[in-house]
Amino acid sequence: MFKILILIFLSCSLTKDTKDLIIIGDYRVLEMATTLMGVELTTFKYLYTNYAGVMTKEPVEYEDYNLKIIGTGILESLITVGEEVNKFVQEQLKSAEDGTNVLLSVGIQHQSKFNDIFVFYGKLADKYPKLNFYVLSLIGVDESLAKNIKNTGVKEFNKKVETRIEVVEFPNMKYKSILNEDDPTQIIVDGEPVDIINYASEGIGFFKTGYVKIFKAMVEWL
C-alpha cells in the first residue's frame, strides 16, 4: 500500500499543470505561432483573395499552456479580414472555459485604425463577460527595417489604448504593458529590460530567440 501511495504521489507531481490561454493578434502573433509552436498556416479568403493566417482549432501545448492562437498576415489586419476569421474568433471564445485569459495584440501596421481596433476589443469584452481580456502594449520596430512605422507613434498608440480602456471601465478587460517604462524598444523579462530591437529580423518581425523572450514577457505576469 505504501509503495502504491508513493507511485501515485510521484505521478501527480510529474503531471504538468497546463493552463488555458488564447492569443489573438496580427502578423507577429502569426509568426510567433509558426516559429515557436510549429502551427501551420491556414489559408482564408477575403474579398476573393487568399491570405495566410493561423487559426488553431485544437489547443497547442507550449511551455505551461494549452494555447489557442488566431493571427493574420501583414496585408490585412485581423479587424478587416471579414466573416471567415471573425466567425472563427467567436467560436473559440464561445467555447472557452469561464475565467480563461485572452491576450490581444492588434495594430502594429494599422495604428491609423485605432477606433476600429478599440471597438473590436470592446465588443469582445462585452460579449464574453466571463473571460479575462488583456490588451498588450505594442512592441516597437527597428525603424531602419520598418521605415513606415515610428516608435513615437507606437508609444502614442499604446497610451491611447490604455487611456480609453480606463475611461470605458470594462470589468473584464485591462491594458497590460510588457514594456520597460513604456519604451517600445524594450520589454521586461524576468524583471529585467531587454532591448528587443536587437532581435528584429526584417520589417516588423523577430528572430526565434526574440519571440521566445516576447512570449515570456507576454505570460510571466499571469
C-alpha atoms as a PDB file:
ATOM      1  CA  MET A   1       0.000   0.000   0.000  1.00  0.00           C
ATOM      2  CA  PHE A   2       2.828   2.381   0.938  1.00  0.00           C
ATOM      3  CA  LYS A   3       4.519   1.773  -2.433  1.00  0.00           C
ATOM      4  CA  ILE A   4       1.255   2.443  -4.251  1.00  0.00           C
ATOM      5  CA  LEU A   5       0.836   5.756  -2.439  1.00  0.00           C
ATOM      6  CA  ILE A   6       4.380   6.757  -3.395  1.00  0.00           C
ATOM      7  CA  LEU A   7       3.724   5.932  -7.063  1.00  0.00           C
ATOM      8  CA  ILE A   8       0.503   7.951  -7.016  1.00  0.00           C
ATOM      9  CA  PHE A   9       2.324  10.890  -5.438  1.00  0.00           C
ATOM     10  CA  LEU A  10       5.126  10.745  -7.996  1.00  0.00           C
ATOM     11  CA  SER A  11       2.635  10.515 -10.847  1.00  0.00           C
ATOM     12  CA  CYS A  12       0.774  13.587  -9.631  1.00  0.00           C
ATOM     13  CA  SER A  13       3.960  15.567  -9.050  1.00  0.00           C
ATOM     14  CA  LEU A  14       5.240  14.811 -12.543  1.00  0.00           C
ATOM     15  CA  THR A  15       1.980  15.773 -14.233  1.00  0.00           C
ATOM     16  CA  LYS A  16       2.309  19.136 -15.951  1.00  0.00           C
ATOM     17  CA  ASP A  17      -0.281  21.637 -14.810  1.00  0.00           C
ATOM     18  CA  THR A  18      -1.185  23.380 -18.061  1.00  0.00           C
ATOM     19  CA  LYS A  19      -3.347  26.482 -18.216  1.00  0.00           C
ATOM     20  CA  ASP A  20      -5.701  27.544 -20.978  1.00  0.00           C
ATOM     21  CA  LEU A  21      -4.699  30.672 -22.880  1.00  0.00           C
ATOM     22  CA  ILE A  22      -5.982  32.346 -26.044  1.00  0.00           C
ATOM     23  CA  ILE A  23      -3.842  34.783 -28.032  1.00  0.00           C
ATOM     24  CA  ILE A  24      -5.418  36.924 -30.754  1.00  0.00           C
ATOM     25  CA  GLY A  25      -3.423  39.276 -32.949  1.00  0.00           C
ATOM     26  CA  ASP A  26      -1.900  40.235 -36.256  1.00  0.00           C
ATOM     27  CA  TYR A  27       1.335  39.295 -38.048  1.00  0.00           C
ATOM     28  CA  ARG A  28       3.605  38.951 -35.012  1.00  0.00           C
ATOM     29  CA  VAL A  29       1.197  36.537 -33.353  1.00  0.00           C
ATOM     30  CA  LEU A  30       1.107  34.579 -36.616  1.00  0.00           C
ATOM     31  CA  GLU A  31       4.894  34.450 -36.831  1.00  0.00           C
ATOM     32  CA  MET A  32       5.237  33.532 -33.157  1.00  0.00           C
ATOM     33  CA  ALA A  33       2.804  30.646 -33.635  1.00  0.00           C
ATOM     34  CA  THR A  34       4.626  29.251 -36.667  1.00  0.00           C
ATOM     35  CA  THR A  35       8.130  29.850 -35.275  1.00  0.00           C
ATOM     36  CA  LEU A  36       7.761  28.743 -31.655  1.00  0.00           C
ATOM     37  CA  MET A  37       4.810  26.370 -31.610  1.00  0.00           C
ATOM     38  CA  GLY A  38       5.042  24.882 -35.105  1.00  0.00           C
ATOM     39  CA  VAL A  39       1.493  25.906 -36.023  1.00  0.00           C
ATOM     40  CA  GLU A  40       0.815  25.512 -39.732  1.00  0.00           C
ATOM     41  CA  LEU A  41      -0.544  28.371 -41.787  1.00  0.00           C
ATOM     42  CA  THR A  42      -4.211  28.395 -42.749  1.00  0.00           C
ATOM     43  CA  THR A  43      -5.442  29.933 -45.991  1.00  0.00           C
ATOM     44  CA  PHE A  44      -8.561  32.047 -45.762  1.00  0.00           C
ATOM     45  CA  LYS A  45     -10.370  34.120 -48.365  1.00  0.00           C
ATOM     46  CA  TYR A  46     -11.196  37.815 -48.081  1.00  0.00           C
ATOM     47  CA  LEU A  47     -12.678  39.793 -50.976  1.00  0.00           C
ATOM     48  CA  TYR A  48     -11.870  36.974 -53.409  1.00  0.00           C
ATOM     49  CA  THR A  49      -8.199  36.952 -52.401  1.00  0.00           C
ATOM     50  CA  ASN A  50      -6.431  34.249 -50.393  1.00  0.00           C
ATOM     51  CA  TYR A  51      -4.486  35.273 -47.299  1.00  0.00           C
ATOM     52  CA  ALA A  52      -2.385  33.393 -44.747  1.00  0.00           C
ATOM     53  CA  GLY A  53      -3.303  33.118 -41.096  1.00  0.00           C
ATOM     54  CA  VAL A  54      -3.085  30.869 -38.056  1.00  0.00           C
ATOM     55  CA  MET A  55      -6.323  29.549 -36.604  1.00  0.00           C
ATOM     56  CA  THR A  56      -5.853  26.692 -34.140  1.00  0.00           C
ATOM     57  CA  LYS A  57      -8.966  24.567 -33.715  1.00  0.00           C
ATOM     58  CA  GLU A  58      -7.330  22.379 -31.066  1.00  0.00           C
ATOM     59  CA  PRO A  59      -5.068  23.616 -28.241  1.00  0.00           C
ATOM     60  CA  VAL A  60      -1.323  23.631 -28.830  1.00  0.00           C
ATOM     61  CA  GLU A  61       0.872  22.791 -25.845  1.00  0.00           C
ATOM     62  CA  TYR A  62       3.729  25.228 -25.310  1.00  0.00           C
ATOM     63  CA  GLU A  63       5.558  25.823 -22.039  1.00  0.00           C
ATOM     64  CA  ASP A  64       2.871  25.629 -19.311  1.00  0.00           C
ATOM     65  CA  TYR A  65      -0.049  26.496 -21.562  1.00  0.00           C
ATOM     66  CA  ASN A  66      -2.731  24.972 -23.724  1.00  0.00           C
ATOM     67  CA  LEU A  67      -2.777  27.648 -26.400  1.00  0.00           C
ATOM     68  CA  LYS A  68      -5.326  28.629 -28.971  1.00  0.00           C
ATOM     69  CA  ILE A  69      -3.906  31.199 -31.358  1.00  0.00           C
ATOM     70  CA  ILE A  70      -5.505  33.345 -34.037  1.00  0.00           C
ATOM     71  CA  GLY A  71      -3.359  35.650 -36.146  1.00  0.00           C
ATOM     72  CA  THR A  72      -3.393  37.165 -39.622  1.00  0.00           C
ATOM     73  CA  GLY A  73      -0.800  38.275 -42.135  1.00  0.00           C
ATOM     74  CA  ILE A  74       0.752  41.624 -42.946  1.00  0.00           C
ATOM     75  CA  LEU A  75      -1.505  42.863 -45.729  1.00  0.00           C
ATOM     76  CA  GLU A  76      -4.779  42.611 -43.836  1.00  0.00           C
ATOM     77  CA  SER A  77      -5.402  43.388 -40.193  1.00  0.00           C
ATOM     78  CA  LEU A  78      -7.432  40.998 -38.068  1.00  0.00           C
ATOM     79  CA  ILE A  79     -10.140  43.657 -37.821  1.00  0.00           C
ATOM     80  CA  THR A  80     -10.663  43.796 -41.590  1.00  0.00           C
ATOM     81  CA  VAL A  81     -10.390  40.210 -42.781  1.00  0.00           C
ATOM     82  CA  GLY A  82     -14.083  39.522 -42.999  1.00  0.00           C
ATOM     83  CA  GLU A  83     -16.555  36.921 -41.855  1.00  0.00           C
ATOM     84  CA  GLU A  84     -14.486  33.733 -42.024  1.00  0.00           C
ATOM     85  CA  VAL A  85     -11.815  34.718 -39.488  1.00  0.00           C
ATOM     86  CA  ASN A  86     -14.158  36.739 -37.281  1.00  0.00           C
ATOM     87  CA  LYS A  87     -16.516  33.760 -37.071  1.00  0.00           C
ATOM     88  CA  PHE A  88     -13.580  31.596 -36.019  1.00  0.00           C
ATOM     89  CA  VAL A  89     -12.640  34.098 -33.283  1.00  0.00           C
ATOM     90  CA  GLN A  90     -16.197  33.998 -31.964  1.00  0.00           C
ATOM     91  CA  GLU A  91     -16.267  30.198 -31.978  1.00  0.00           C
ATOM     92  CA  GLN A  92     -13.054  29.926 -29.980  1.00  0.00           C
ATOM     93  CA  LEU A  93     -14.127  32.470 -27.383  1.00  0.00           C
ATOM     94  CA  LYS A  94     -17.593  30.961 -27.077  1.00  0.00           C
ATOM     95  CA  SER A  95     -16.137  27.518 -26.332  1.00  0.00           C
ATOM     96  CA  ALA A  96     -13.560  28.790 -23.811  1.00  0.00           C
ATOM     97  CA  GLU A  97     -13.904  27.901 -20.131  1.00  0.00           C
ATOM     98  CA  ASP A  98     -15.024  30.656 -17.781  1.00  0.00           C
ATOM     99  CA  GLY A  99     -12.043  32.600 -16.471  1.00  0.00           C
ATOM    100  CA  THR A 100      -9.818  31.861 -19.479  1.00  0.00           C
ATOM    101  CA  ASN A 101      -7.252  34.592 -20.139  1.00  0.00           C
ATOM    102  CA  VAL A 102      -7.311  36.154 -23.616  1.00  0.00           C
ATOM    103  CA  LEU A 103      -4.336  38.233 -24.790  1.00  0.00           C
ATOM    104  CA  LEU A 104      -4.999  40.789 -27.539  1.00  0.00           C
ATOM    105  CA  SER A 105      -2.337  42.359 -29.748  1.00  0.00           C
ATOM    106  CA  VAL A 106      -3.521  44.156 -32.881  1.00  0.00           C
ATOM    107  CA  GLY A 107      -2.306  47.229 -34.699  1.00  0.00           C
ATOM    108  CA  ILE A 108       1.420  47.432 -35.356  1.00  0.00           C
ATOM    109  CA  GLN A 109       0.783  48.090 -39.058  1.00  0.00           C
ATOM    110  CA  HIS A 110      -2.689  49.549 -38.671  1.00  0.00           C
ATOM    111  CA  GLN A 111      -2.336  52.192 -35.972  1.00  0.00           C
ATOM    112  CA  SER A 112      -4.389  54.664 -38.011  1.00  0.00           C
ATOM    113  CA  LYS A 113      -7.385  52.374 -37.420  1.00  0.00           C
ATOM    114  CA  PHE A 114      -7.333  52.920 -33.668  1.00  0.00           C
ATOM    115  CA  ASN A 115     -11.100  53.372 -33.346  1.00  0.00           C
ATOM    116  CA  ASP A 116     -11.835  50.195 -35.314  1.00  0.00           C
ATOM    117  CA  ILE A 117      -9.332  48.252 -33.228  1.00  0.00           C
ATOM    118  CA  PHE A 118     -10.732  49.537 -29.961  1.00  0.00           C
ATOM    119  CA  VAL A 119     -14.312  48.748 -30.988  1.00  0.00           C
ATOM    120  CA  PHE A 120     -13.140  45.231 -31.888  1.00  0.00           C
ATOM    121  CA  TYR A 121     -11.641  44.839 -28.404  1.00  0.00           C
ATOM    122  CA  GLY A 122     -14.637  46.328 -26.630  1.00  0.00           C
ATOM    123  CA  LYS A 123     -17.216  44.194 -28.398  1.00  0.00           C
ATOM    124  CA  LEU A 124     -15.323  41.022 -27.482  1.00  0.00           C
ATOM    125  CA  ALA A 125     -15.154  42.061 -23.835  1.00  0.00           C
ATOM    126  CA  ASP A 126     -18.857  42.930 -23.780  1.00  0.00           C
ATOM    127  CA  LYS A 127     -19.918  39.702 -25.490  1.00  0.00           C
ATOM    128  CA  TYR A 128     -17.818  37.380 -23.313  1.00  0.00           C
ATOM    129  CA  PRO A 129     -18.011  38.776 -19.753  1.00  0.00           C
ATOM    130  CA  LYS A 130     -16.738  35.553 -18.170  1.00  0.00           C
ATOM    131  CA  LEU A 131     -13.388  35.715 -19.985  1.00  0.00           C
ATOM    132  CA  ASN A 132     -10.452  37.869 -18.881  1.00  0.00           C
ATOM    133  CA  PHE A 133      -9.194  40.109 -21.696  1.00  0.00           C
ATOM    134  CA  TYR A 134      -5.785  41.781 -21.592  1.00  0.00           C
ATOM    135  CA  VAL A 135      -4.732  44.223 -24.299  1.00  0.00           C
ATOM    136  CA  LEU A 136      -0.948  44.012 -24.563  1.00  0.00           C
ATOM    137  CA  SER A 137       1.203  47.025 -25.324  1.00  0.00           C
ATOM    138  CA  LEU A 138       2.547  47.009 -28.861  1.00  0.00           C
ATOM    139  CA  ILE A 139       6.271  46.417 -29.205  1.00  0.00           C
ATOM    140  CA  GLY A 140       8.152  48.837 -31.422  1.00  0.00           C
ATOM    141  CA  VAL A 141      10.267  48.261 -34.513  1.00  0.00           C
ATOM    142  CA  ASP A 142      13.752  48.727 -35.886  1.00  0.00           C
ATOM    143  CA  GLU A 143      12.981  51.918 -37.785  1.00  0.00           C
ATOM    144  CA  SER A 144      15.700  51.149 -40.346  1.00  0.00           C
ATOM    145  CA  LEU A 145      13.806  47.953 -41.287  1.00  0.00           C
ATOM    146  CA  ALA A 146      10.211  49.158 -40.940  1.00  0.00           C
ATOM    147  CA  LYS A 147      10.602  52.664 -42.283  1.00  0.00           C
ATOM    148  CA  ASN A 148       6.880  53.428 -42.405  1.00  0.00           C
ATOM    149  CA  ILE A 149       6.470  52.902 -38.633  1.00  0.00           C
ATOM    150  CA  LYS A 150       7.861  55.193 -35.936  1.00  0.00           C
ATOM    151  CA  ASN A 151       8.340  54.164 -32.329  1.00  0.00           C
ATOM    152  CA  THR A 152       6.999  57.508 -31.155  1.00  0.00           C
ATOM    153  CA  GLY A 153       3.755  56.586 -32.900  1.00  0.00           C
ATOM    154  CA  VAL A 154       3.721  53.146 -31.248  1.00  0.00           C
ATOM    155  CA  LYS A 155       4.142  54.786 -27.852  1.00  0.00           C
ATOM    156  CA  GLU A 156       1.263  57.181 -28.554  1.00  0.00           C
ATOM    157  CA  PHE A 157      -0.946  54.302 -29.761  1.00  0.00           C
ATOM    158  CA  ASN A 158      -0.292  52.362 -26.556  1.00  0.00           C
ATOM    159  CA  LYS A 159      -1.176  55.354 -24.427  1.00  0.00           C
ATOM    160  CA  LYS A 160      -4.434  55.907 -26.326  1.00  0.00           C
ATOM    161  CA  VAL A 161      -5.445  52.284 -25.792  1.00  0.00           C
ATOM    162  CA  GLU A 162      -4.575  52.392 -22.096  1.00  0.00           C
ATOM    163  CA  THR A 163      -6.467  55.641 -21.532  1.00  0.00           C
ATOM    164  CA  ARG A 164      -9.552  54.518 -23.441  1.00  0.00           C
ATOM    165  CA  ILE A 165      -9.804  51.248 -21.522  1.00  0.00           C
ATOM    166  CA  GLU A 166      -9.625  53.179 -18.240  1.00  0.00           C
ATOM    167  CA  VAL A 167     -12.324  55.616 -19.369  1.00  0.00           C
ATOM    168  CA  VAL A 168     -14.748  52.914 -20.524  1.00  0.00           C
ATOM    169  CA  GLU A 169     -14.191  50.877 -17.328  1.00  0.00           C
ATOM    170  CA  PHE A 170     -14.536  47.391 -18.742  1.00  0.00           C
ATOM    171  CA  PRO A 171     -14.906  44.972 -15.811  1.00  0.00           C
ATOM    172  CA  ASN A 172     -13.171  42.162 -17.707  1.00  0.00           C
ATOM    173  CA  MET A 173     -10.619  43.970 -19.881  1.00  0.00           C
ATOM    174  CA  LYS A 174      -7.375  45.589 -18.801  1.00  0.00           C
ATOM    175  CA  TYR A 175      -4.376  47.130 -20.520  1.00  0.00           C
ATOM    176  CA  LYS A 176      -1.101  45.373 -19.757  1.00  0.00           C
ATOM    177  CA  SER A 177       2.269  46.882 -20.593  1.00  0.00           C
ATOM    178  CA  ILE A 178       5.120  44.438 -21.126  1.00  0.00           C
ATOM    179  CA  LEU A 179       7.493  47.323 -21.888  1.00  0.00           C
ATOM    180  CA  ASN A 180      10.245  48.902 -19.835  1.00  0.00           C
ATOM    181  CA  GLU A 181       8.959  52.329 -18.773  1.00  0.00           C
ATOM    182  CA  ASP A 182       6.692  52.460 -21.852  1.00  0.00           C
ATOM    183  CA  ASP A 183       9.711  52.300 -24.188  1.00  0.00           C
ATOM    184  CA  PRO A 184       8.513  50.350 -27.284  1.00  0.00           C
ATOM    185  CA  THR A 185      12.054  49.155 -27.982  1.00  0.00           C
ATOM    186  CA  GLN A 186      12.457  47.359 -24.632  1.00  0.00           C
ATOM    187  CA  ILE A 187      10.454  44.603 -22.955  1.00  0.00           C
ATOM    188  CA  ILE A 188      10.646  43.266 -19.409  1.00  0.00           C
ATOM    189  CA  VAL A 189      11.704  39.622 -18.998  1.00  0.00           C
ATOM    190  CA  ASP A 190      12.393  38.175 -15.545  1.00  0.00           C
ATOM    191  CA  GLY A 191      12.218  41.692 -14.152  1.00  0.00           C
ATOM    192  CA  GLU A 192      14.987  42.978 -16.415  1.00  0.00           C
ATOM    193  CA  PRO A 193      14.802  45.195 -19.537  1.00  0.00           C
ATOM    194  CA  VAL A 194      15.608  43.529 -22.856  1.00  0.00           C
ATOM    195  CA  ASP A 195      16.421  45.571 -25.968  1.00  0.00           C
ATOM    196  CA  ILE A 196      14.079  43.617 -28.204  1.00  0.00           C
ATOM    197  CA  ILE A 197      15.087  45.568 -31.319  1.00  0.00           C
ATOM    198  CA  ASN A 198      18.349  43.595 -31.269  1.00  0.00           C
ATOM    199  CA  TYR A 199      16.231  40.561 -32.232  1.00  0.00           C
ATOM    200  CA  ALA A 200      14.440  42.215 -35.182  1.00  0.00           C
ATOM    201  CA  SER A 201      14.666  40.131 -38.354  1.00  0.00           C
ATOM    202  CA  GLU A 202      13.007  42.058 -41.165  1.00  0.00           C
ATOM    203  CA  GLY A 203      10.167  44.514 -41.385  1.00  0.00           C
ATOM    204  CA  ILE A 204       8.125  44.084 -38.203  1.00  0.00           C
ATOM    205  CA  GLY A 205       9.199  40.508 -37.371  1.00  0.00           C
ATOM    206  CA  PHE A 206      11.729  38.956 -34.993  1.00  0.00           C
ATOM    207  CA  PHE A 207      14.094  36.001 -34.903  1.00  0.00           C
ATOM    208  CA  LYS A 208      13.032  32.918 -32.950  1.00  0.00           C
ATOM    209  CA  THR A 209      15.111  33.905 -29.913  1.00  0.00           C
ATOM    210  CA  GLY A 210      13.272  37.216 -29.891  1.00  0.00           C
ATOM    211  CA  TYR A 211       9.874  35.524 -29.897  1.00  0.00           C
ATOM    212  CA  VAL A 212      10.994  33.303 -27.008  1.00  0.00           C
ATOM    213  CA  LYS A 213      11.600  36.442 -24.960  1.00  0.00           C
ATOM    214  CA  ILE A 214       8.425  38.145 -26.191  1.00  0.00           C
ATOM    215  CA  PHE A 215       6.271  35.152 -25.268  1.00  0.00           C
ATOM    216  CA  LYS A 216       7.811  35.050 -21.811  1.00  0.00           C
ATOM    217  CA  ALA A 217       7.111  38.760 -21.329  1.00  0.00           C
ATOM    218  CA  MET A 218       3.528  38.190 -22.500  1.00  0.00           C
ATOM    219  CA  VAL A 219       2.741  35.472 -19.968  1.00  0.00           C
ATOM    220  CA  GLU A 220       5.072  35.617 -16.965  1.00  0.00           C
ATOM    221  CA  TRP A 221       2.850  38.087 -15.094  1.00  0.00           C
ATOM    222  CA  LEU A 222      -0.336  35.991 -15.489  1.00  0.00           C
END
